[in-house]
């Protein structure tokens, strides 16, 4: 899929989604190049905060040097549960608000 095709999907379906869901929803994407394309004439929101969060968790887990998959899963869950609320709040505030 390229950016042009992706933007066409958004143009066709975003109004329909908005009508179905009302005012209480947020459209989010990751940083795939087609998701951040300027073809639509306005910036498209992305998930950079979650990517930053995963980076934080990844670094903390790597420092603990898991020896197997069980350790990896255990460390990931522990690090996820130990994320301070202030980090989550700051990441959430860092998101750009985009209206469609």
PDB file of N, CA and C in Angstrom:
ATOM      1  N   UNK A   1       0.853  -1.168   0.000  1.00  0.00           N
ATOM      2  CA  UNK A   1       0.000   0.000   0.000  1.00  0.00           C
ATOM      3  C   UNK A   1       0.901   1.234   0.000  1.00  0.00           C
ATOM      4  N   UNK A   2       0.542   2.206  -0.815  1.00  0.00           N
ATOM      5  CA  UNK A   2       1.305   3.445  -0.831  1.00  0.00           C
ATOM      6  C   UNK A   2       0.500   4.567  -0.173  1.00  0.00           C
ATOM      7  N   UNK A   3       1.135   5.733  -0.044  1.00  0.00           N
ATOM      8  CA  UNK A   3       0.500   6.857   0.642  1.00  0.00           C
ATOM      9  C   UNK A   3      -0.777   7.311  -0.052  1.00  0.00           C
ATOM     10  N   UNK A   4      -0.770   7.330  -1.384  1.00  0.00           N
ATOM     11  CA  UNK A   4      -1.952   7.789  -2.106  1.00  0.00           C
ATOM     12  C   UNK A   4      -3.162   6.901  -1.821  1.00  0.00           C
ATOM     13  N   UNK A   5      -2.940   5.598  -1.849  1.00  0.00           N
ATOM     14  CA  UNK A   5      -4.031   4.657  -1.585  1.00  0.00           C
ATOM     15  C   UNK A   5      -4.520   4.790  -0.140  1.00  0.00           C
ATOM     16  N   UNK A   6      -3.592   4.925   0.788  1.00  0.00           N
ATOM     17  CA  UNK A   6      -3.945   5.067   2.206  1.00  0.00           C
ATOM     18  C   UNK A   6      -4.773   6.334   2.439  1.00  0.00           C
ATOM     19  N   UNK A   7      -4.335   7.437   1.852  1.00  0.00           N
ATOM     20  CA  UNK A   7      -5.062   8.699   2.013  1.00  0.00           C
ATOM     21  C   UNK A   7      -6.459   8.590   1.411  1.00  0.00           C
ATOM     22  N   UNK A   8      -6.585   7.891   0.298  1.00  0.00           N
ATOM     23  CA  UNK A   8      -7.906   7.696  -0.313  1.00  0.00           C
ATOM     24  C   UNK A   8      -8.824   6.911   0.627  1.00  0.00           C
ATOM     25  N   UNK A   9      -8.298   5.904   1.284  1.00  0.00           N
ATOM     26  CA  UNK A   9      -9.086   5.148   2.269  1.00  0.00           C
ATOM     27  C   UNK A   9      -9.567   6.084   3.376  1.00  0.00           C
ATOM     28  N   UNK A  10      -8.667   6.930   3.867  1.00  0.00           N
ATOM     29  CA  UNK A  10      -9.057   7.881   4.919  1.00  0.00           C
ATOM     30  C   UNK A  10     -10.136   8.839   4.430  1.00  0.00           C
ATOM     31  N   UNK A  11      -9.953   9.359   3.243  1.00  0.00           N
ATOM     32  CA  UNK A  11     -10.941  10.310   2.716  1.00  0.00           C
ATOM     33  C   UNK A  11     -12.315   9.673   2.587  1.00  0.00           C
ATOM     34  N   UNK A  12     -12.329   8.420   2.214  1.00  0.00           N
ATOM     35  CA  UNK A  12     -13.598   7.718   2.040  1.00  0.00           C
ATOM     36  C   UNK A  12     -14.247   7.337   3.359  1.00  0.00           C
ATOM     37  N   UNK A  13     -13.430   6.918   4.332  1.00  0.00           N
ATOM     38  CA  UNK A  13     -14.007   6.296   5.524  1.00  0.00           C
ATOM     39  C   UNK A  13     -13.940   7.124   6.809  1.00  0.00           C
ATOM     40  N   UNK A  14     -13.059   8.121   6.898  1.00  0.00           N
ATOM     41  CA  UNK A  14     -12.976   8.919   8.132  1.00  0.00           C
ATOM     42  C   UNK A  14     -14.301   9.616   8.455  1.00  0.00           C
ATOM     43  N   UNK A  15     -14.977  10.250   7.488  1.00  0.00           N
ATOM     44  CA  UNK A  15     -16.259  10.880   7.816  1.00  0.00           C
ATOM     45  C   UNK A  15     -17.295   9.866   8.320  1.00  0.00           C
ATOM     46  N   UNK A  16     -17.314   8.696   7.702  1.00  0.00           N
ATOM     47  CA  UNK A  16     -18.236   7.640   8.124  1.00  0.00           C
ATOM     48  C   UNK A  16     -17.933   7.191   9.557  1.00  0.00           C
ATOM     49  N   UNK A  17     -16.634   7.008   9.862  1.00  0.00           N
ATOM     50  CA  UNK A  17     -16.245   6.607  11.223  1.00  0.00           C
ATOM     51  C   UNK A  17     -16.630   7.682  12.224  1.00  0.00           C
ATOM     52  N   UNK A  18     -16.389   8.933  11.856  1.00  0.00           N
ATOM     53  CA  UNK A  18     -16.725  10.041  12.739  1.00  0.00           C
ATOM     54  C   UNK A  18     -18.222  10.103  13.007  1.00  0.00           C
ATOM     55  N   UNK A  19     -19.014   9.880  11.971  1.00  0.00           N
ATOM     56  CA  UNK A  19     -20.467   9.894  12.128  1.00  0.00           C
ATOM     57  C   UNK A  19     -20.926   8.756  13.041  1.00  0.00           C
ATOM     58  N   UNK A  20     -20.325   7.579  12.877  1.00  0.00           N
ATOM     59  CA  UNK A  20     -20.714   6.425  13.692  1.00  0.00           C
ATOM     60  C   UNK A  20     -20.291   6.595  15.151  1.00  0.00           C
ATOM     61  N   UNK A  21     -19.118   7.182  15.396  1.00  0.00           N
ATOM     62  CA  UNK A  21     -18.554   7.229  16.741  1.00  0.00           C
ATOM     63  C   UNK A  21     -18.812   8.536  17.478  1.00  0.00           C
ATOM     64  N   UNK A  22     -19.287   9.549  16.785  1.00  0.00           N
ATOM     65  CA  UNK A  22     -19.559  10.824  17.440  1.00  0.00           C
ATOM     66  C   UNK A  22     -18.277  11.588  17.732  1.00  0.00           C
ATOM     67  N   UNK A  23     -18.322  12.402  18.794  1.00  0.00           N
ATOM     68  CA  UNK A  23     -17.191  13.277  19.117  1.00  0.00           C
ATOM     69  C   UNK A  23     -16.177  12.654  20.072  1.00  0.00           C
ATOM     70  N   UNK A  24     -16.444  11.469  20.545  1.00  0.00           N
ATOM     71  CA  UNK A  24     -15.608  10.900  21.608  1.00  0.00           C
ATOM     72  C   UNK A  24     -14.725   9.779  21.101  1.00  0.00           C
ATOM     73  N   UNK A  25     -13.864  10.096  20.138  1.00  0.00           N
ATOM     74  CA  UNK A  25     -12.924   9.108  19.630  1.00  0.00           C
ATOM     75  C   UNK A  25     -11.678   9.820  19.136  1.00  0.00           C
ATOM     76  N   UNK A  26     -10.599   9.084  19.046  1.00  0.00           N
ATOM     77  CA  UNK A  26      -9.327   9.630  18.576  1.00  0.00           C
ATOM     78  C   UNK A  26      -8.730   8.662  17.562  1.00  0.00           C
ATOM     79  N   UNK A  27      -8.319   9.176  16.436  1.00  0.00           N
ATOM     80  CA  UNK A  27      -7.714   8.382  15.381  1.00  0.00           C
ATOM     81  C   UNK A  27      -6.205   8.434  15.556  1.00  0.00           C
ATOM     82  N   UNK A  28      -5.564   7.274  15.700  1.00  0.00           N
ATOM     83  CA  UNK A  28      -4.128   7.225  15.919  1.00  0.00           C
ATOM     84  C   UNK A  28      -3.474   6.231  14.970  1.00  0.00           C
ATOM     85  N   UNK A  29      -2.221   6.513  14.662  1.00  0.00           N
ATOM     86  CA  UNK A  29      -1.460   5.664  13.757  1.00  0.00           C
ATOM     87  C   UNK A  29      -0.017   5.606  14.237  1.00  0.00           C
ATOM     88  N   UNK A  30       0.748   4.701  13.638  1.00  0.00           N
ATOM     89  CA  UNK A  30       2.176   4.664  13.944  1.00  0.00           C
ATOM     90  C   UNK A  30       2.918   5.547  12.941  1.00  0.00           C
ATOM     91  N   UNK A  31       4.239   5.472  12.921  1.00  0.00           N
ATOM     92  CA  UNK A  31       5.028   6.352  12.062  1.00  0.00           C
ATOM     93  C   UNK A  31       5.363   5.758  10.705  1.00  0.00           C
ATOM     94  N   UNK A  32       4.563   4.841  10.227  1.00  0.00           N
ATOM     95  CA  UNK A  32       4.755   4.327   8.880  1.00  0.00           C
ATOM     96  C   UNK A  32       4.710   5.515   7.916  1.00  0.00           C
ATOM     97  N   UNK A  33       5.588   5.566   6.908  1.00  0.00           N
ATOM     98  CA  UNK A  33       5.611   6.727   6.004  1.00  0.00           C
ATOM     99  C   UNK A  33       4.260   7.079   5.380  1.00  0.00           C
ATOM    100  N   UNK A  34       3.473   6.080   5.040  1.00  0.00           N
ATOM    101  CA  UNK A  34       2.169   6.423   4.447  1.00  0.00           C
ATOM    102  C   UNK A  34       1.222   7.038   5.479  1.00  0.00           C
ATOM    103  N   UNK A  35       1.434   6.766   6.758  1.00  0.00           N
ATOM    104  CA  UNK A  35       0.589   7.342   7.802  1.00  0.00           C
ATOM    105  C   UNK A  35       0.946   8.795   8.085  1.00  0.00           C
ATOM    106  N   UNK A  36       2.174   9.177   7.804  1.00  0.00           N
ATOM    107  CA  UNK A  36       2.607  10.539   8.093  1.00  0.00           C
ATOM    108  C   UNK A  36       2.686  11.391   6.836  1.00  0.00           C
ATOM    109  N   UNK A  37       2.136  10.905   5.755  1.00  0.00           N
ATOM    110  CA  UNK A  37       2.147  11.618   4.474  1.00  0.00           C
ATOM    111  C   UNK A  37       1.418  12.950   4.586  1.00  0.00           C
ATOM    112  N   UNK A  38       1.910  13.918   3.855  1.00  0.00           N
ATOM    113  CA  UNK A  38       1.261  15.240   3.808  1.00  0.00           C
ATOM    114  C   UNK A  38       0.284  15.331   2.630  1.00  0.00           C
ATOM    115  N   UNK A  39       0.029  14.218   1.976  1.00  0.00           N
ATOM    116  CA  UNK A  39      -0.833  14.224   0.788  1.00  0.00           C
ATOM    117  C   UNK A  39      -2.246  14.716   1.075  1.00  0.00           C
ATOM    118  N   UNK A  40      -2.701  14.506   2.272  1.00  0.00           N
ATOM    119  CA  UNK A  40      -4.081  14.882   2.584  1.00  0.00           C
ATOM    120  C   UNK A  40      -4.230  16.376   2.844  1.00  0.00           C
ATOM    121  N   UNK A  41      -3.112  17.113   2.883  1.00  0.00           N
ATOM    122  CA  UNK A  41      -3.196  18.548   3.108  1.00  0.00           C
ATOM    123  C   UNK A  41      -3.140  18.940   4.570  1.00  0.00           C
ATOM    124  N   UNK A  42      -3.064  17.978   5.460  1.00  0.00           N
ATOM    125  CA  UNK A  42      -2.911  18.255   6.885  1.00  0.00           C
ATOM    126  C   UNK A  42      -2.140  17.109   7.518  1.00  0.00           C
ATOM    127  N   UNK A  43      -1.445  17.390   8.627  1.00  0.00           N
ATOM    128  CA  UNK A  43      -0.679  16.314   9.267  1.00  0.00           C
ATOM    129  C   UNK A  43      -1.610  15.245   9.810  1.00  0.00           C
ATOM    130  N   UNK A  44      -1.136  14.034   9.808  1.00  0.00           N
ATOM    131  CA  UNK A  44      -1.900  12.907  10.326  1.00  0.00           C
ATOM    132  C   UNK A  44      -1.324  12.521  11.677  1.00  0.00           C
ATOM    133  N   UNK A  45      -2.168  12.340  12.673  1.00  0.00           N
ATOM    134  CA  UNK A  45      -1.700  11.981  14.014  1.00  0.00           C
ATOM    135  C   UNK A  45      -0.989  10.640  13.976  1.00  0.00           C
ATOM    136  N   UNK A  46      -0.032  10.468  14.859  1.00  0.00           N
ATOM    137  CA  UNK A  46       0.693   9.201  14.901  1.00  0.00           C
ATOM    138  C   UNK A  46       0.771   8.687  16.335  1.00  0.00           C
ATOM    139  N   UNK A  47       1.431   7.566  16.484  1.00  0.00           N
ATOM    140  CA  UNK A  47       1.562   6.942  17.802  1.00  0.00           C
ATOM    141  C   UNK A  47       2.958   7.121  18.377  1.00  0.00           C
ATOM    142  N   UNK A  48       3.609   8.229  18.062  1.00  0.00           N
ATOM    143  CA  UNK A  48       4.960   8.393  18.574  1.00  0.00           C
ATOM    144  C   UNK A  48       5.035   8.276  20.099  1.00  0.00           C
ATOM    145  N   UNK A  49       4.012   8.679  20.864  1.00  0.00           N
ATOM    146  CA  UNK A  49       4.114   8.476  22.314  1.00  0.00           C
ATOM    147  C   UNK A  49       4.227   6.995  22.692  1.00  0.00           C
ATOM    148  N   UNK A  50       3.486   6.125  22.043  1.00  0.00           N
ATOM    149  CA  UNK A  50       3.587   4.709  22.383  1.00  0.00           C
ATOM    150  C   UNK A  50       4.933   4.162  21.936  1.00  0.00           C
ATOM    151  N   UNK A  51       5.447   4.683  20.833  1.00  0.00           N
ATOM    152  CA  UNK A  51       6.771   4.255  20.393  1.00  0.00           C
ATOM    153  C   UNK A  51       7.837   4.688  21.394  1.00  0.00           C
ATOM    154  N   UNK A  52       7.692   5.882  21.954  1.00  0.00           N
ATOM    155  CA  UNK A  52       8.624   6.345  22.997  1.00  0.00           C
ATOM    156  C   UNK A  52       8.510   5.466  24.238  1.00  0.00           C
ATOM    157  N   UNK A  53       7.278   5.122  24.586  1.00  0.00           N
ATOM    158  CA  UNK A  53       7.062   4.273  25.753  1.00  0.00           C
ATOM    159  C   UNK A  53       7.694   2.901  25.566  1.00  0.00           C
ATOM    160  N   UNK A  54       7.501   2.309  24.379  1.00  0.00           N
ATOM    161  CA  UNK A  54       8.114   1.005  24.109  1.00  0.00           C
ATOM    162  C   UNK A  54       9.635   1.099  24.167  1.00  0.00           C
ATOM    163  N   UNK A  55      10.184   2.205  23.728  1.00  0.00           N
ATOM    164  CA  UNK A  55      11.635   2.400  23.784  1.00  0.00           C
ATOM    165  C   UNK A  55      12.125   2.427  25.237  1.00  0.00           C
ATOM    166  N   UNK A  56      11.384   3.110  26.091  1.00  0.00           N
ATOM    167  CA  UNK A  56      11.729   3.161  27.519  1.00  0.00           C
ATOM    168  C   UNK A  56      11.715   1.755  28.106  1.00  0.00           C
ATOM    169  N   UNK A  57      10.655   1.024  27.838  1.00  0.00           N
ATOM    170  CA  UNK A  57      10.522  -0.339  28.376  1.00  0.00           C
ATOM    171  C   UNK A  57      11.622  -1.238  27.823  1.00  0.00           C
ATOM    172  N   UNK A  58      11.864  -1.142  26.526  1.00  0.00           N
ATOM    173  CA  UNK A  58      12.898  -1.967  25.891  1.00  0.00           C
ATOM    174  C   UNK A  58      14.257  -1.739  26.558  1.00  0.00           C
ATOM    175  N   UNK A  59      14.617  -0.487  26.773  1.00  0.00           N
ATOM    176  CA  UNK A  59      15.901  -0.183  27.404  1.00  0.00           C
ATOM    177  C   UNK A  59      15.994  -0.751  28.818  1.00  0.00           C
ATOM    178  N   UNK A  60      14.911  -0.623  29.563  1.00  0.00           N
ATOM    179  CA  UNK A  60      14.918  -1.150  30.939  1.00  0.00           C
ATOM    180  C   UNK A  60      15.017  -2.671  30.951  1.00  0.00           C
ATOM    181  N   UNK A  61      14.306  -3.319  30.047  1.00  0.00           N
ATOM    182  CA  UNK A  61      14.345  -4.789  29.970  1.00  0.00           C
ATOM    183  C   UNK A  61      15.730  -5.256  29.530  1.00  0.00           C
ATOM    184  N   UNK A  62      16.307  -4.589  28.551  1.00  0.00           N
ATOM    185  CA  UNK A  62      17.642  -4.976  28.079  1.00  0.00           C
ATOM    186  C   UNK A  62      18.676  -4.894  29.195  1.00  0.00           C
ATOM    187  N   UNK A  63      18.567  -3.881  30.046  1.00  0.00           N
ATOM    188  CA  UNK A  63      19.510  -3.737  31.169  1.00  0.00           C
ATOM    189  C   UNK A  63      19.417  -4.901  32.143  1.00  0.00           C
ATOM    190  N   UNK A  64      18.248  -5.514  32.203  1.00  0.00           N
ATOM    191  CA  UNK A  64      18.050  -6.654  33.112  1.00  0.00           C
ATOM    192  C   UNK A  64      18.554  -7.970  32.509  1.00  0.00           C
ATOM    193  N   UNK A  65      18.922  -7.945  31.248  1.00  0.00           N
ATOM    194  CA  UNK A  65      19.504  -9.072  30.518  1.00  0.00           C
ATOM    195  C   UNK A  65      18.735 -10.388  30.706  1.00  0.00           C
ATOM    196  N   UNK A  66      17.527 -10.468  30.151  1.00  0.00           N
ATOM    197  CA  UNK A  66      16.765 -11.718  30.249  1.00  0.00           C
ATOM    198  C   UNK A  66      17.528 -12.862  29.592  1.00  0.00           C
ATOM    199  N   UNK A  67      17.446 -14.017  30.203  1.00  0.00           N
ATOM    200  CA  UNK A  67      18.192 -15.188  29.719  1.00  0.00           C
ATOM    201  C   UNK A  67      17.347 -16.111  28.850  1.00  0.00           C
ATOM    202  N   UNK A  68      16.028 -15.934  28.887  1.00  0.00           N
ATOM    203  CA  UNK A  68      15.142 -16.777  28.091  1.00  0.00           C
ATOM    204  C   UNK A  68      13.822 -16.034  27.878  1.00  0.00           C
ATOM    205  N   UNK A  69      12.909 -16.665  27.164  1.00  0.00           N
ATOM    206  CA  UNK A  69      11.628 -16.010  26.864  1.00  0.00           C
ATOM    207  C   UNK A  69      10.792 -15.757  28.115  1.00  0.00           C
ATOM    208  N   UNK A  70      10.860 -16.663  29.064  1.00  0.00           N
ATOM    209  CA  UNK A  70      10.110 -16.456  30.306  1.00  0.00           C
ATOM    210  C   UNK A  70      10.606 -15.210  31.035  1.00  0.00           C
ATOM    211  N   UNK A  71      11.940 -15.063  31.115  1.00  0.00           N
ATOM    212  CA  UNK A  71      12.505 -13.864  31.737  1.00  0.00           C
ATOM    213  C   UNK A  71      12.080 -12.613  30.973  1.00  0.00           C
ATOM    214  N   UNK A  72      12.154 -12.695  29.653  1.00  0.00           N
ATOM    215  CA  UNK A  72      11.786 -11.547  28.829  1.00  0.00           C
ATOM    216  C   UNK A  72      10.349 -11.114  29.108  1.00  0.00           C
ATOM    217  N   UNK A  73       9.440 -12.057  29.100  1.00  0.00           N
ATOM    218  CA  UNK A  73       8.034 -11.730  29.361  1.00  0.00           C
ATOM    219  C   UNK A  73       7.852 -11.176  30.769  1.00  0.00           C
ATOM    220  N   UNK A  74       8.467 -11.811  31.731  1.00  0.00           N
ATOM    221  CA  UNK A  74       8.354 -11.365  33.130  1.00  0.00           C
ATOM    222  C   UNK A  74       8.886  -9.937  33.288  1.00  0.00           C
ATOM    223  N   UNK A  75      10.059  -9.672  32.715  1.00  0.00           N
ATOM    224  CA  UNK A  75      10.664  -8.343  32.836  1.00  0.00           C
ATOM    225  C   UNK A  75       9.824  -7.288  32.119  1.00  0.00           C
ATOM    226  N   UNK A  76       9.272  -7.647  30.969  1.00  0.00           N
ATOM    227  CA  UNK A  76       8.437  -6.688  30.248  1.00  0.00           C
ATOM    228  C   UNK A  76       7.202  -6.315  31.053  1.00  0.00           C
ATOM    229  N   UNK A  77       6.555  -7.308  31.624  1.00  0.00           N
ATOM    230  CA  UNK A  77       5.357  -7.054  32.434  1.00  0.00           C
ATOM    231  C   UNK A  77       5.722  -6.196  33.648  1.00  0.00           C
ATOM    232  N   UNK A  78       6.814  -6.532  34.311  1.00  0.00           N
ATOM    233  CA  UNK A  78       7.223  -5.766  35.494  1.00  0.00           C
ATOM    234  C   UNK A  78       7.553  -4.317  35.136  1.00  0.00           C
ATOM    235  N   UNK A  79       8.281  -4.129  34.045  1.00  0.00           N
ATOM    236  CA  UNK A  79       8.639  -2.768  33.655  1.00  0.00           C
ATOM    237  C   UNK A  79       7.406  -1.978  33.223  1.00  0.00           C
ATOM    238  N   UNK A  80       6.491  -2.639  32.534  1.00  0.00           N
ATOM    239  CA  UNK A  80       5.247  -1.978  32.128  1.00  0.00           C
ATOM    240  C   UNK A  80       4.464  -1.522  33.361  1.00  0.00           C
ATOM    241  N   UNK A  81       4.379  -2.384  34.350  1.00  0.00           N
ATOM    242  CA  UNK A  81       3.627  -2.061  35.564  1.00  0.00           C
ATOM    243  C   UNK A  81       4.303  -0.980  36.399  1.00  0.00           C
ATOM    244  N   UNK A  82       5.602  -0.788  36.212  1.00  0.00           N
ATOM    245  CA  UNK A  82       6.346   0.197  37.005  1.00  0.00           C
ATOM    246  C   UNK A  82       6.492   1.556  36.324  1.00  0.00           C
ATOM    247  N   UNK A  83       5.808   1.753  35.220  1.00  0.00           N
ATOM    248  CA  UNK A  83       5.885   3.047  34.539  1.00  0.00           C
ATOM    249  C   UNK A  83       5.185   4.087  35.416  1.00  0.00           C
ATOM    250  N   UNK A  84       5.887   5.148  35.767  1.00  0.00           N
ATOM    251  CA  UNK A  84       5.246   6.186  36.589  1.00  0.00           C
ATOM    252  C   UNK A  84       4.110   6.871  35.825  1.00  0.00           C
ATOM    253  N   UNK A  85       3.064   7.200  36.533  1.00  0.00           N
ATOM    254  CA  UNK A  85       1.925   7.891  35.913  1.00  0.00           C
ATOM    255  C   UNK A  85       2.349   9.190  35.244  1.00  0.00           C
ATOM    256  N   UNK A  86       3.345   9.859  35.813  1.00  0.00           N
ATOM    257  CA  UNK A  86       3.797  11.130  35.226  1.00  0.00           C
ATOM    258  C   UNK A  86       4.339  10.917  33.813  1.00  0.00           C
ATOM    259  N   UNK A  87       4.998   9.785  33.575  1.00  0.00           N
ATOM    260  CA  UNK A  87       5.502   9.486  32.228  1.00  0.00           C
ATOM    261  C   UNK A  87       4.329   9.325  31.268  1.00  0.00           C
ATOM    262  N   UNK A  88       3.314   8.582  31.676  1.00  0.00           N
ATOM    263  CA  UNK A  88       2.145   8.375  30.826  1.00  0.00           C
ATOM    264  C   UNK A  88       1.419   9.686  30.540  1.00  0.00           C
ATOM    265  N   UNK A  89       1.280  10.508  31.552  1.00  0.00           N
ATOM    266  CA  UNK A  89       0.607  11.803  31.386  1.00  0.00           C
ATOM    267  C   UNK A  89       1.387  12.692  30.428  1.00  0.00           C
ATOM    268  N   UNK A  90       2.709  12.751  30.608  1.00  0.00           N
ATOM    269  CA  UNK A  90       3.528  13.597  29.737  1.00  0.00           C
ATOM    270  C   UNK A  90       3.515  13.097  28.289  1.00  0.00           C
ATOM    271  N   UNK A  91       3.558  11.784  28.093  1.00  0.00           N
ATOM    272  CA  UNK A  91       3.487  11.243  26.737  1.00  0.00           C
ATOM    273  C   UNK A  91       2.133  11.558  26.104  1.00  0.00           C
ATOM    274  N   UNK A  92       1.089  11.431  26.884  1.00  0.00           N
ATOM    275  CA  UNK A  92      -0.246  11.733  26.385  1.00  0.00           C
ATOM    276  C   UNK A  92      -0.371  13.208  26.003  1.00  0.00           C
ATOM    277  N   UNK A  93       0.193  14.097  26.799  1.00  0.00           N
ATOM    278  CA  UNK A  93       0.134  15.524  26.502  1.00  0.00           C
ATOM    279  C   UNK A  93       0.973  15.902  25.283  1.00  0.00           C
ATOM    280  N   UNK A  94       1.953  15.058  24.953  1.00  0.00           N
ATOM    281  CA  UNK A  94       2.824  15.356  23.823  1.00  0.00           C
ATOM    282  C   UNK A  94       2.155  15.099  22.472  1.00  0.00           C
ATOM    283  N   UNK A  95       1.001  14.430  22.466  1.00  0.00           N
ATOM    284  CA  UNK A  95       0.329  14.114  21.216  1.00  0.00           C
ATOM    285  C   UNK A  95      -0.281  15.348  20.591  1.00  0.00           C
ATOM    286  N   UNK A  96      -0.164  15.436  19.268  1.00  0.00           N
ATOM    287  CA  UNK A  96      -0.808  16.516  18.533  1.00  0.00           C
ATOM    288  C   UNK A  96      -2.283  16.181  18.387  1.00  0.00           C
ATOM    289  N   UNK A  97      -3.110  17.172  18.496  1.00  0.00           N
ATOM    290  CA  UNK A  97      -4.542  16.957  18.295  1.00  0.00           C
ATOM    291  C   UNK A  97      -4.879  17.292  16.844  1.00  0.00           C
ATOM    292  N   UNK A  98      -5.517  16.358  16.177  1.00  0.00           N
ATOM    293  CA  UNK A  98      -5.894  16.550  14.779  1.00  0.00           C
ATOM    294  C   UNK A  98      -7.390  16.347  14.655  1.00  0.00           C
ATOM    295  N   UNK A  99      -8.052  17.279  14.032  1.00  0.00           N
ATOM    296  CA  UNK A  99      -9.498  17.174  13.809  1.00  0.00           C
ATOM    297  C   UNK A  99      -9.753  16.852  12.345  1.00  0.00           C
ATOM    298  N   UNK A 100     -10.604  15.899  12.097  1.00  0.00           N
ATOM    299  CA  UNK A 100     -10.963  15.523  10.726  1.00  0.00           C
ATOM    300  C   UNK A 100     -12.344  16.021  10.417  1.00  0.00           C
TER     301      UNK A 100
END
